[in-house]
Amino acid sequence: MKRLLRKLSVVLVALFLEGLVLLVLSSLVSSHAAILEAIVSLIAVFFALTIVDAHGETAYETLWLLLILIFPLPGLILYWLFSKKSILNPLGDQLANSRKNMPDLCDNRFERYATLEKQNLRLAETFRYIENKTGFPTLPAESTDYFSLGEEMYARMLEDLKSAKKYIFVEYFILNHGSMLDSILEILEQKAKAGVDVRILYDDLGSLSTFSENDAAILRKKGIKCHAFNPILLIRGTINNRDHRKILIIDGEIAYSGGINLADEYINKKMRFKHWKDIGFRIDGAPVKNYVKMFVEFWNAYTPSRARLSPLDYLSPTRDVAPVKNGFILSYYDSPFTEASISNNLYIELLSQATKYAWFYTPYLMFGDSLMSAFVRAAERGIDVRIFMPGVPDKKLVYRMGRSFYPALLKAGVKIYEYSPGFLHAKASVVDGKVATIGSVNLDYRSLFLHFENNTIFYKTNLIKDLVKDFKETQKLSVERTENNLKFSRPQKILNILLRLFAPLC
């Protein structure tokens, strides 16, 4: 009810402002034009009421309400083109059609849940929620390796790529020629010549200035199947929905993920924003199937039909899995076309269940009201909540927007640390030393509501102790921001309000 009243108050204010605009227009233009403006305004009001009735993120919807009601015609055009519910966005239908052919990997999960429920009933309910919303199963972890820097993971990736025998699937937001990408491509070319099925999917906008269709065509001539996700051809409703996932799969037996793209700054071969702090992980065994399904589902949805894969050649229901010796893993992906914002809800769940501490890595901080409230509530009930941010920003305006959230968080007791040596690009969380997440998800609107992202939840795996250690080591290299050393003047406080209002656009 509180959220609904907030939305309605915005509507009333915007309608009042719109009325003033209409009065001015009616005195300046002909009666015919005024009637047309009135019709557009009625349509705008209809869409505004539809937004008010929706169950989305309040701040995101508030921005659209303001745009539509104050500037009806341009607001409607922008809403039709770029909103999460854009009517001109075919990506959701393409993905739904691909998903119809995917096998169900969630069979025979009851025995696994019996083990998890005995250890932590409330967390088992969270795992069940993620499974039901995504269709990806919770599986016993086998081998898990954590990498506290991109260069550590890169060295291990090269070793595993050389051992590939059947197939290599590569999916990244950014491909950029340099030492990292070119050395990987060299191995991929050799493997393709040897008969290994090599496929690369990259985001066209993420790689807009670094990897072109001409580069992809060259790779295809060398036997590597390479395609761009959501090519930038025209300004259309799909432009905001990017493939921000980071996935490398080898023979369905090994998977890598985290925040690391295939570009030299991620391994500190190229210094763009001083030292680049990023993280990743490697898993093997049955849990890799979740990543195989992610890739096959995406590949079949967004590449030419002649290149599509047969899901049953790569996937089968996971019935016989390893005994529980190293905890559990649940890997899934977020889609802007699901009703629920999975990762956003997951973090709210984890914060609500924390009994001692909840620590987060994120390069960007622009979350909505629901997640903001979860951070505040956790801190206010005495949980040690920490957020680690970059010390050197890659985008100054976005960084300034992130800082606009600091005062409310600090007031509630959340501790904020900025990584002094440079840019922190890691995306992870750890709660009470028992459950952790690592993936491609930033704590911002784009990751939580608009992009395709991948994430992995770890419960009582060996990897978690390494992640906790890394948080502690990173804190030693960071500056803590407090209410005393982060003062905002009155004009800056007003700017903070405006920045938070427009945060969903960044």
Protein backbone atom coordinates (compact mmCIF):
# COMPACT_ATOMS: atom_id res chain seq x y z
CA MET A 1 0.00 0.00 0.00
CA LYS A 2 2.86 2.39 0.86
CA ARG A 3 4.48 1.83 -2.53
CA LEU A 4 1.14 2.30 -4.31
CA LEU A 5 0.50 5.59 -2.48
CA ARG A 6 3.97 6.76 -3.42
CA LYS A 7 3.29 6.04 -7.08
CA LEU A 8 -0.11 7.75 -6.95
CA SER A 9 1.41 10.85 -5.36
CA VAL A 10 3.87 11.06 -8.23
CA VAL A 11 0.97 10.72 -10.67
CA LEU A 12 -0.93 13.60 -9.03
CA VAL A 13 2.09 15.89 -9.04
CA ALA A 14 2.89 15.01 -12.64
CA LEU A 15 -0.73 15.52 -13.71
CA PHE A 16 -0.70 18.97 -12.11
CA LEU A 17 2.49 19.88 -13.99
CA GLU A 18 1.09 18.43 -17.18
CA GLY A 19 -2.06 20.54 -16.73
CA LEU A 20 0.09 23.66 -16.57
CA VAL A 21 1.88 22.58 -19.73
CA LEU A 22 -1.46 22.03 -21.47
CA LEU A 23 -2.70 25.46 -20.43
CA VAL A 24 0.38 27.08 -21.91
CA LEU A 25 0.08 25.02 -25.09
CA SER A 26 -3.60 25.75 -25.51
CA SER A 27 -2.91 29.47 -25.44
CA LEU A 28 -0.22 29.19 -28.06
CA VAL A 29 -1.57 26.72 -30.60
CA SER A 30 -4.80 26.20 -32.49
CA SER A 31 -7.77 24.40 -30.99
CA HIS A 32 -7.15 21.43 -33.31
CA ALA A 33 -3.65 20.93 -31.96
CA ALA A 34 -4.93 21.28 -28.41
CA ILE A 35 -7.45 18.48 -28.98
CA LEU A 36 -4.69 16.27 -30.35
CA GLU A 37 -2.57 17.05 -27.31
CA ALA A 38 -5.49 16.16 -25.05
CA ILE A 39 -5.90 12.78 -26.75
CA VAL A 40 -2.20 12.04 -26.33
CA SER A 41 -2.47 13.05 -22.69
CA LEU A 42 -5.37 10.67 -22.11
CA ILE A 43 -3.34 7.85 -23.63
CA ALA A 44 -0.44 8.86 -21.38
CA VAL A 45 -2.68 8.75 -18.31
CA PHE A 46 -3.87 5.27 -19.31
CA PHE A 47 -0.28 4.01 -19.56
CA ALA A 48 0.61 5.73 -16.29
CA LEU A 49 -2.21 3.96 -14.47
CA THR A 50 -1.03 0.67 -16.00
CA ILE A 51 2.44 1.31 -14.58
CA VAL A 52 0.97 2.16 -11.18
CA ASP A 53 -0.90 -1.16 -11.18
CA ALA A 54 2.24 -3.13 -12.07
CA HIS A 55 4.32 -4.91 -9.42
CA GLY A 56 7.73 -3.67 -10.44
CA GLU A 57 10.55 -1.68 -8.88
CA THR A 58 9.16 1.60 -7.53
CA ALA A 59 12.05 3.89 -8.52
CA TYR A 60 12.16 2.48 -12.06
CA GLU A 61 8.42 2.94 -12.51
CA THR A 62 8.50 6.42 -10.97
CA LEU A 63 10.91 7.62 -13.64
CA TRP A 64 8.61 6.38 -16.42
CA LEU A 65 5.61 8.00 -14.72
CA LEU A 66 7.34 11.36 -14.70
CA LEU A 67 8.44 11.12 -18.33
CA ILE A 68 5.06 9.99 -19.62
CA LEU A 69 2.90 12.41 -17.65
CA ILE A 70 5.02 15.56 -17.99
CA PHE A 71 6.05 14.92 -21.62
CA PRO A 72 3.24 12.67 -22.94
CA LEU A 73 4.24 12.12 -26.57
CA PRO A 74 8.05 11.78 -26.15
CA GLY A 75 7.48 9.84 -22.93
CA LEU A 76 5.22 7.33 -24.64
CA ILE A 77 7.64 6.90 -27.53
CA LEU A 78 10.54 6.26 -25.14
CA TYR A 79 8.41 3.86 -23.09
CA TRP A 80 7.40 1.88 -26.16
CA LEU A 81 11.02 1.72 -27.30
CA PHE A 82 13.06 1.24 -24.18
CA SER A 83 11.05 0.12 -21.16
CA LYS A 84 11.30 -3.38 -19.74
CA LYS A 85 7.79 -4.03 -21.08
CA SER A 86 8.51 -2.61 -24.54
CA ILE A 87 6.03 -3.86 -27.14
CA LEU A 88 8.78 -3.67 -29.76
CA ASN A 89 11.06 -6.25 -28.14
CA PRO A 90 11.21 -9.73 -29.72
CA LEU A 91 14.02 -11.09 -27.51
CA GLY A 92 11.64 -12.56 -24.95
CA ASP A 93 9.69 -14.56 -27.54
CA GLN A 94 12.89 -15.88 -29.12
CA LEU A 95 14.14 -17.07 -25.75
CA ALA A 96 10.78 -18.64 -24.84
CA ASN A 97 10.77 -20.60 -28.11
CA SER A 98 14.28 -21.89 -27.46
CA ARG A 99 13.41 -22.86 -23.91
CA LYS A 100 10.56 -25.10 -25.09
CA ASN A 101 13.13 -27.51 -26.49
CA MET A 102 15.31 -27.63 -23.38
CA PRO A 103 15.18 -30.74 -21.18
CA ASP A 104 14.22 -30.37 -17.54
CA LEU A 105 17.33 -30.64 -15.38
CA CYS A 106 15.42 -30.43 -12.09
CA ASP A 107 14.33 -34.09 -11.89
CA ASN A 108 14.94 -36.13 -8.73
CA ARG A 109 15.80 -33.17 -6.53
CA PHE A 110 14.00 -34.35 -3.39
CA GLU A 111 16.93 -36.31 -1.98
CA ARG A 112 19.20 -33.30 -2.43
CA TYR A 113 16.68 -31.06 -0.69
CA ALA A 114 16.35 -33.45 2.22
CA THR A 115 20.07 -32.97 2.88
CA LEU A 116 19.93 -29.20 2.45
CA GLU A 117 16.80 -28.80 4.59
CA LYS A 118 18.41 -30.66 7.50
CA GLN A 119 21.27 -28.19 7.45
CA ASN A 120 19.36 -24.96 6.80
CA LEU A 121 15.61 -25.08 6.20
CA ARG A 122 15.20 -21.36 5.47
CA LEU A 123 18.02 -21.31 2.93
CA ALA A 124 16.63 -24.49 1.32
CA GLU A 125 13.42 -22.53 0.70
CA THR A 126 15.46 -19.82 -1.06
CA PHE A 127 17.19 -22.41 -3.25
CA ARG A 128 13.79 -23.90 -4.10
CA TYR A 129 12.50 -20.44 -5.06
CA ILE A 130 15.44 -19.88 -7.44
CA GLU A 131 14.98 -23.34 -8.96
CA ASN A 132 11.26 -22.82 -9.52
CA LYS A 133 11.78 -19.42 -11.15
CA THR A 134 14.72 -20.37 -13.37
CA GLY A 135 14.47 -24.10 -14.09
CA PHE A 136 18.07 -24.73 -12.97
CA PRO A 137 18.75 -27.36 -10.27
CA THR A 138 20.75 -27.25 -7.06
CA LEU A 139 23.56 -29.82 -7.30
CA PRO A 140 26.29 -31.18 -5.03
CA ALA A 141 29.53 -29.31 -5.64
CA GLU A 142 32.52 -31.27 -6.83
CA SER A 143 35.70 -29.24 -7.42
CA THR A 144 35.50 -25.46 -6.88
CA ASP A 145 38.37 -23.01 -7.38
CA TYR A 146 38.37 -19.29 -6.56
CA PHE A 147 40.49 -16.68 -8.33
CA SER A 148 41.06 -13.36 -6.58
CA LEU A 149 42.46 -11.70 -9.72
CA GLY A 150 41.79 -12.03 -13.44
CA GLU A 151 45.37 -12.99 -14.25
CA GLU A 152 45.13 -16.00 -11.93
CA MET A 153 42.04 -17.29 -13.69
CA TYR A 154 43.44 -16.54 -17.16
CA ALA A 155 46.46 -18.81 -16.62
CA ARG A 156 44.22 -21.71 -15.56
CA MET A 157 41.83 -21.11 -18.48
CA LEU A 158 44.65 -21.50 -20.99
CA GLU A 159 45.62 -24.86 -19.49
CA ASP A 160 42.07 -26.20 -19.64
CA LEU A 161 41.41 -24.91 -23.16
CA LYS A 162 44.40 -26.89 -24.44
CA SER A 163 42.84 -30.08 -23.05
CA ALA A 164 39.45 -29.67 -24.83
CA LYS A 165 38.40 -32.70 -26.85
CA LYS A 166 34.72 -32.24 -27.81
CA TYR A 167 33.54 -28.64 -27.59
CA ILE A 168 34.30 -25.17 -26.27
CA PHE A 169 31.51 -22.64 -25.63
CA VAL A 170 32.49 -19.00 -25.10
CA GLU A 171 30.07 -16.21 -24.14
CA TYR A 172 31.20 -12.75 -23.03
CA PHE A 173 29.98 -9.16 -22.88
CA ILE A 174 33.31 -7.75 -24.08
CA LEU A 175 35.84 -9.18 -26.52
CA ASN A 176 38.85 -6.93 -27.09
CA HIS A 177 41.95 -7.88 -29.03
CA GLY A 178 45.14 -8.02 -26.98
CA SER A 179 47.28 -10.53 -25.12
CA MET A 180 44.34 -12.21 -23.37
CA LEU A 181 41.84 -12.58 -26.20
CA ASP A 182 44.39 -13.29 -28.93
CA SER A 183 46.13 -16.04 -26.96
CA ILE A 184 42.75 -17.67 -26.31
CA LEU A 185 41.73 -17.34 -29.98
CA GLU A 186 44.99 -18.97 -31.02
CA ILE A 187 44.10 -22.05 -28.97
CA LEU A 188 40.51 -22.00 -30.24
CA GLU A 189 41.72 -21.95 -33.85
CA GLN A 190 43.97 -24.94 -33.21
CA LYS A 191 41.12 -26.82 -31.55
CA ALA A 192 38.71 -26.04 -34.38
CA LYS A 193 41.22 -27.44 -36.89
CA ALA A 194 41.43 -30.58 -34.75
CA GLY A 195 37.65 -31.08 -34.97
CA VAL A 196 36.59 -29.54 -31.67
CA ASP A 197 33.24 -27.69 -31.91
CA VAL A 198 34.10 -24.09 -30.97
CA ARG A 199 31.36 -21.47 -30.58
CA ILE A 200 31.59 -17.83 -29.49
CA LEU A 201 28.69 -15.55 -28.56
CA TYR A 202 29.49 -11.92 -27.73
CA ASP A 203 27.41 -8.83 -27.01
CA ASP A 204 27.40 -6.41 -29.93
CA LEU A 205 27.04 -3.27 -27.81
CA GLY A 206 29.53 -4.39 -25.16
CA SER A 207 32.09 -5.07 -27.89
CA LEU A 208 31.00 -2.23 -30.17
CA SER A 209 34.39 -0.53 -30.37
CA THR A 210 36.55 -3.61 -29.77
CA PHE A 211 35.23 -6.55 -31.81
CA SER A 212 33.37 -6.25 -35.11
CA GLU A 213 31.36 -8.41 -37.47
CA ASN A 214 34.47 -8.48 -39.65
CA ASP A 215 36.38 -10.08 -36.75
CA ALA A 216 33.59 -12.63 -36.37
CA ALA A 217 33.63 -13.39 -40.10
CA ILE A 218 37.38 -14.04 -39.97
CA LEU A 219 36.86 -16.53 -37.14
CA ARG A 220 34.06 -18.28 -39.03
CA LYS A 221 36.43 -18.81 -41.95
CA LYS A 222 38.79 -20.54 -39.51
CA GLY A 223 36.05 -22.96 -38.40
CA ILE A 224 34.93 -21.10 -35.27
CA LYS A 225 31.19 -20.41 -35.11
CA CYS A 226 30.99 -16.81 -33.92
CA HIS A 227 27.94 -14.56 -33.65
CA ALA A 228 26.92 -11.28 -32.02
CA PHE A 229 24.05 -11.09 -29.56
CA ASN A 230 21.42 -8.44 -30.37
CA PRO A 231 23.32 -6.57 -33.13
CA ILE A 232 23.06 -2.79 -33.05
CA LEU A 233 21.32 -2.11 -36.36
CA LEU A 234 18.66 0.44 -35.40
CA ILE A 235 17.58 2.21 -32.23
CA ARG A 236 14.90 -0.21 -31.09
CA GLY A 237 13.32 -1.75 -28.02
CA THR A 238 16.05 -4.36 -27.59
CA ILE A 239 18.95 -1.94 -27.18
CA ASN A 240 18.75 -1.90 -23.35
CA ASN A 241 18.73 -5.71 -23.02
CA ARG A 242 22.35 -6.79 -23.27
CA ASP A 243 24.08 -10.14 -22.82
CA HIS A 244 26.25 -9.25 -19.82
CA ARG A 245 27.03 -12.90 -19.03
CA LYS A 246 30.58 -14.28 -18.75
CA ILE A 247 30.79 -18.00 -19.48
CA LEU A 248 33.48 -20.44 -20.68
CA ILE A 249 32.58 -24.14 -20.95
CA ILE A 250 34.94 -26.97 -21.90
CA ASP A 251 33.52 -30.38 -22.90
CA GLY A 252 30.62 -29.99 -20.47
CA GLU A 253 33.06 -30.89 -17.69
CA ILE A 254 34.60 -27.53 -16.76
CA ALA A 255 33.05 -24.06 -16.48
CA TYR A 256 34.48 -20.64 -15.70
CA SER A 257 32.60 -17.49 -14.76
CA GLY A 258 32.77 -14.31 -12.68
CA GLY A 259 33.22 -10.67 -13.62
CA ILE A 260 36.12 -11.14 -16.03
CA ASN A 261 35.71 -10.31 -19.74
CA LEU A 262 38.24 -11.22 -22.45
CA ALA A 263 40.22 -7.98 -22.52
CA ASP A 264 43.68 -7.03 -21.26
CA GLU A 265 42.59 -4.67 -18.47
CA TYR A 266 40.94 -7.64 -16.72
CA ILE A 267 44.34 -9.30 -16.30
CA ASN A 268 46.24 -6.02 -15.70
CA LYS A 269 48.10 -6.24 -18.98
CA LYS A 270 46.57 -2.86 -19.82
CA MET A 271 46.20 -0.20 -17.11
CA ARG A 272 43.04 1.80 -17.78
CA PHE A 273 41.96 2.76 -14.25
CA LYS A 274 45.08 1.77 -12.31
CA HIS A 275 44.95 -1.74 -10.81
CA TRP A 276 41.94 -3.79 -11.98
CA LYS A 277 40.49 -5.95 -9.21
CA ASP A 278 38.28 -8.71 -10.56
CA ILE A 279 37.39 -12.23 -9.50
CA GLY A 280 36.22 -15.53 -10.98
CA PHE A 281 35.79 -19.22 -10.34
CA ARG A 282 36.15 -22.65 -11.91
CA ILE A 283 33.80 -25.59 -11.31
CA ASP A 284 33.71 -29.10 -12.72
CA GLY A 285 31.44 -32.15 -12.72
CA ALA A 286 27.64 -32.27 -12.73
CA PRO A 287 27.08 -28.55 -11.83
CA VAL A 288 28.61 -27.58 -15.20
CA LYS A 289 25.39 -28.79 -16.86
CA ASN A 290 23.60 -25.67 -15.72
CA TYR A 291 26.07 -23.56 -17.67
CA VAL A 292 25.75 -25.79 -20.71
CA LYS A 293 22.00 -25.29 -20.63
CA MET A 294 22.42 -21.51 -20.31
CA PHE A 295 24.64 -21.40 -23.38
CA VAL A 296 22.64 -23.82 -25.57
CA GLU A 297 19.38 -22.05 -24.75
CA PHE A 298 20.86 -18.66 -25.63
CA TRP A 299 22.71 -19.87 -28.71
CA ASN A 300 19.57 -21.42 -30.20
CA ALA A 301 17.51 -18.31 -29.42
CA TYR A 302 19.84 -15.69 -30.85
CA THR A 303 21.91 -17.18 -33.66
CA PRO A 304 20.95 -18.19 -37.23
CA SER A 305 18.94 -21.41 -37.43
CA ARG A 306 21.63 -23.16 -39.49
CA ALA A 307 24.02 -22.92 -36.51
CA ARG A 308 21.68 -24.23 -33.82
CA LEU A 309 22.48 -27.03 -31.42
CA SER A 310 20.51 -30.14 -30.50
CA PRO A 311 19.93 -29.78 -26.72
CA LEU A 312 19.68 -33.54 -26.13
CA ASP A 313 23.21 -33.96 -27.48
CA TYR A 314 24.52 -31.93 -24.54
CA LEU A 315 21.93 -32.21 -21.77
CA SER A 316 20.05 -34.89 -19.89
CA PRO A 317 18.19 -34.80 -16.55
CA THR A 318 20.67 -34.87 -13.69
CA ARG A 319 19.59 -37.98 -11.75
CA ASP A 320 22.81 -39.62 -10.64
CA VAL A 321 25.07 -37.00 -9.11
CA ALA A 322 28.03 -37.05 -6.77
CA PRO A 323 27.44 -37.45 -3.02
CA VAL A 324 27.45 -34.25 -0.98
CA LYS A 325 31.05 -33.74 0.11
CA ASN A 326 31.67 -30.11 -0.80
CA GLY A 327 28.34 -28.38 -0.28
CA PHE A 328 25.92 -27.30 -3.02
CA ILE A 329 25.98 -25.16 -6.16
CA LEU A 330 23.08 -23.51 -7.97
CA SER A 331 23.95 -21.70 -11.21
CA TYR A 332 21.25 -19.77 -13.04
CA TYR A 333 20.73 -16.78 -15.30
CA ASP A 334 18.57 -13.67 -15.05
CA SER A 335 16.33 -12.51 -17.87
CA PRO A 336 14.57 -9.13 -18.17
CA PHE A 337 11.56 -11.06 -19.47
CA THR A 338 10.80 -12.98 -16.30
CA GLU A 339 8.17 -11.51 -14.00
CA ALA A 340 10.49 -11.74 -11.00
CA SER A 341 13.90 -10.06 -10.81
CA ILE A 342 15.69 -13.16 -9.60
CA SER A 343 19.03 -11.80 -8.40
CA ASN A 344 17.44 -8.76 -6.82
CA ASN A 345 15.11 -11.05 -4.85
CA LEU A 346 17.96 -13.43 -4.01
CA TYR A 347 20.02 -10.67 -2.39
CA ILE A 348 16.98 -9.53 -0.40
CA GLU A 349 16.53 -13.14 0.77
CA LEU A 350 20.17 -13.52 1.78
CA LEU A 351 20.26 -10.21 3.64
CA SER A 352 17.13 -11.17 5.55
CA GLN A 353 18.69 -14.49 6.60
CA ALA A 354 22.09 -13.13 7.68
CA THR A 355 22.82 -13.62 11.37
CA LYS A 356 26.39 -12.30 11.54
CA TYR A 357 27.59 -10.59 8.37
CA ALA A 358 26.84 -9.89 4.70
CA TRP A 359 29.61 -8.54 2.46
CA PHE A 360 29.28 -7.44 -1.16
CA TYR A 361 31.58 -6.60 -4.06
CA THR A 362 30.11 -4.35 -6.77
CA PRO A 363 31.59 -1.80 -9.20
CA TYR A 364 28.29 0.10 -9.45
CA LEU A 365 25.72 0.96 -6.79
CA MET A 366 22.29 1.95 -8.10
CA PHE A 367 19.73 -0.44 -6.72
CA GLY A 368 15.98 0.00 -6.23
CA ASP A 369 13.96 0.66 -3.12
CA SER A 370 13.36 -2.98 -2.22
CA LEU A 371 17.04 -3.96 -2.16
CA MET A 372 18.03 -0.68 -0.54
CA SER A 373 15.55 -1.40 2.25
CA ALA A 374 16.99 -4.90 2.68
CA PHE A 375 20.50 -3.48 3.18
CA VAL A 376 19.22 -0.90 5.65
CA ARG A 377 17.14 -3.40 7.64
CA ALA A 378 20.01 -5.87 7.89
CA ALA A 379 22.38 -3.19 9.20
CA GLU A 380 19.82 -1.80 11.61
CA ARG A 381 19.31 -5.18 13.23
CA GLY A 382 23.03 -5.43 13.92
CA ILE A 383 24.33 -7.41 10.95
CA ASP A 384 27.85 -6.49 9.79
CA VAL A 385 26.95 -5.26 6.29
CA ARG A 386 29.80 -4.14 4.04
CA ILE A 387 29.83 -2.92 0.45
CA PHE A 388 33.11 -2.73 -1.48
CA MET A 389 33.30 -0.22 -4.33
CA PRO A 390 36.02 1.08 -6.69
CA GLY A 391 38.47 3.72 -5.54
CA VAL A 392 39.10 4.79 -9.13
CA PRO A 393 35.91 5.04 -11.25
CA ASP A 394 35.60 3.95 -14.87
CA LYS A 395 32.52 6.17 -15.44
CA LYS A 396 32.55 9.31 -13.31
CA LEU A 397 28.83 10.14 -13.56
CA VAL A 398 27.81 6.57 -12.72
CA TYR A 399 30.29 6.58 -9.82
CA ARG A 400 28.79 9.85 -8.56
CA MET A 401 25.33 8.30 -8.77
CA GLY A 402 26.53 5.36 -6.72
CA ARG A 403 27.87 7.70 -4.06
CA SER A 404 24.46 9.36 -3.83
CA PHE A 405 23.28 6.17 -2.07
CA TYR A 406 26.03 6.36 0.56
CA PRO A 407 24.42 8.72 3.12
CA ALA A 408 21.31 6.59 3.75
CA LEU A 409 23.37 3.40 3.88
CA LEU A 410 25.97 4.87 6.24
CA LYS A 411 23.29 6.29 8.51
CA ALA A 412 21.79 2.79 8.85
CA GLY A 413 25.17 1.32 9.78
CA VAL A 414 26.28 -0.16 6.44
CA LYS A 415 30.06 0.00 6.07
CA ILE A 416 31.37 1.15 2.68
CA TYR A 417 34.94 0.61 1.45
CA GLU A 418 36.54 1.98 -1.71
CA TYR A 419 39.38 -0.02 -3.27
CA SER A 420 42.35 2.38 -3.22
CA PRO A 421 44.66 0.74 -5.81
CA GLY A 422 42.17 1.20 -8.65
CA PHE A 423 38.96 -0.12 -10.16
CA LEU A 424 37.06 -2.94 -8.46
CA HIS A 425 34.97 -4.83 -11.05
CA ALA A 426 34.16 -7.92 -8.94
CA LYS A 427 30.54 -9.01 -8.36
CA ALA A 428 30.10 -11.23 -5.33
CA SER A 429 28.56 -11.64 -1.90
CA VAL A 430 29.19 -13.79 1.15
CA VAL A 431 26.83 -14.27 4.10
CA ASP A 432 27.90 -15.72 7.45
CA GLY A 433 30.71 -17.68 5.78
CA LYS A 434 28.20 -20.31 4.64
CA VAL A 435 26.61 -19.04 1.45
CA ALA A 436 28.13 -16.93 -1.35
CA THR A 437 27.36 -15.70 -4.83
CA ILE A 438 29.74 -14.93 -7.70
CA GLY A 439 28.70 -13.95 -11.20
CA SER A 440 28.18 -11.08 -13.60
CA VAL A 441 25.50 -9.24 -11.56
CA ASN A 442 26.24 -5.66 -10.48
CA LEU A 443 24.15 -3.92 -7.84
CA ASP A 444 22.62 -1.56 -10.40
CA TYR A 445 19.40 -1.28 -12.40
CA ARG A 446 20.84 -2.63 -15.62
CA SER A 447 22.11 -5.83 -14.06
CA LEU A 448 19.17 -6.36 -11.75
CA PHE A 449 16.34 -5.50 -14.15
CA LEU A 450 17.42 -5.01 -17.78
CA HIS A 451 20.35 -7.24 -18.71
CA PHE A 452 20.82 -10.98 -19.13
CA GLU A 453 23.16 -12.03 -16.31
CA ASN A 454 24.51 -15.26 -14.88
CA ASN A 455 25.08 -16.00 -11.21
CA THR A 456 26.17 -18.95 -9.07
CA ILE A 457 25.19 -19.60 -5.45
CA PHE A 458 27.64 -21.61 -3.34
CA TYR A 459 26.62 -23.22 -0.06
CA LYS A 460 29.27 -24.67 2.26
CA THR A 461 31.77 -25.21 -0.55
CA ASN A 462 35.55 -24.95 -0.18
CA LEU A 463 35.53 -21.85 -2.35
CA ILE A 464 33.75 -19.74 0.29
CA LYS A 465 36.67 -19.60 2.71
CA ASP A 466 38.87 -18.25 -0.10
CA LEU A 467 36.28 -15.59 -0.93
CA VAL A 468 36.07 -14.53 2.73
CA LYS A 469 39.84 -14.28 2.87
CA ASP A 470 39.83 -12.14 -0.27
CA PHE A 471 37.28 -9.74 1.21
CA LYS A 472 39.51 -9.29 4.25
CA GLU A 473 42.61 -8.72 2.12
CA THR A 474 40.73 -6.24 -0.07
CA GLN A 475 39.59 -4.30 2.99
CA LYS A 476 43.23 -3.76 3.96
CA LEU A 477 43.74 -2.00 0.62
CA SER A 478 40.58 0.08 0.86
CA VAL A 479 39.49 3.37 2.39
CA GLU A 480 36.40 3.27 4.59
CA ARG A 481 33.83 5.94 3.83
CA THR A 482 32.00 7.32 6.86
CA GLU A 483 29.52 10.10 7.54
CA ASN A 484 32.46 12.17 8.80
CA ASN A 485 34.71 11.84 5.76
CA LEU A 486 31.93 11.99 3.18
CA LYS A 487 30.22 15.33 3.58
CA PHE A 488 27.72 16.68 1.03
CA SER A 489 26.76 20.34 0.81
CA ARG A 490 23.08 21.30 0.47
CA PRO A 491 23.34 21.68 -3.35
CA GLN A 492 25.09 18.31 -3.50
CA LYS A 493 22.30 16.74 -1.45
CA ILE A 494 19.76 18.08 -3.93
CA LEU A 495 21.90 16.69 -6.74
CA ASN A 496 21.92 13.31 -4.96
CA ILE A 497 18.12 13.22 -5.06
CA LEU A 498 18.10 13.99 -8.79
CA LEU A 499 20.81 11.44 -9.51
CA ARG A 500 18.90 8.73 -7.66
CA LEU A 501 15.76 9.60 -9.58
CA PHE A 502 17.52 9.10 -12.91
CA ALA A 503 19.67 6.16 -11.78
CA PRO A 504 17.48 3.64 -13.70
CA LEU A 505 18.73 5.18 -16.96
CA CYS A 506 22.39 4.44 -16.17
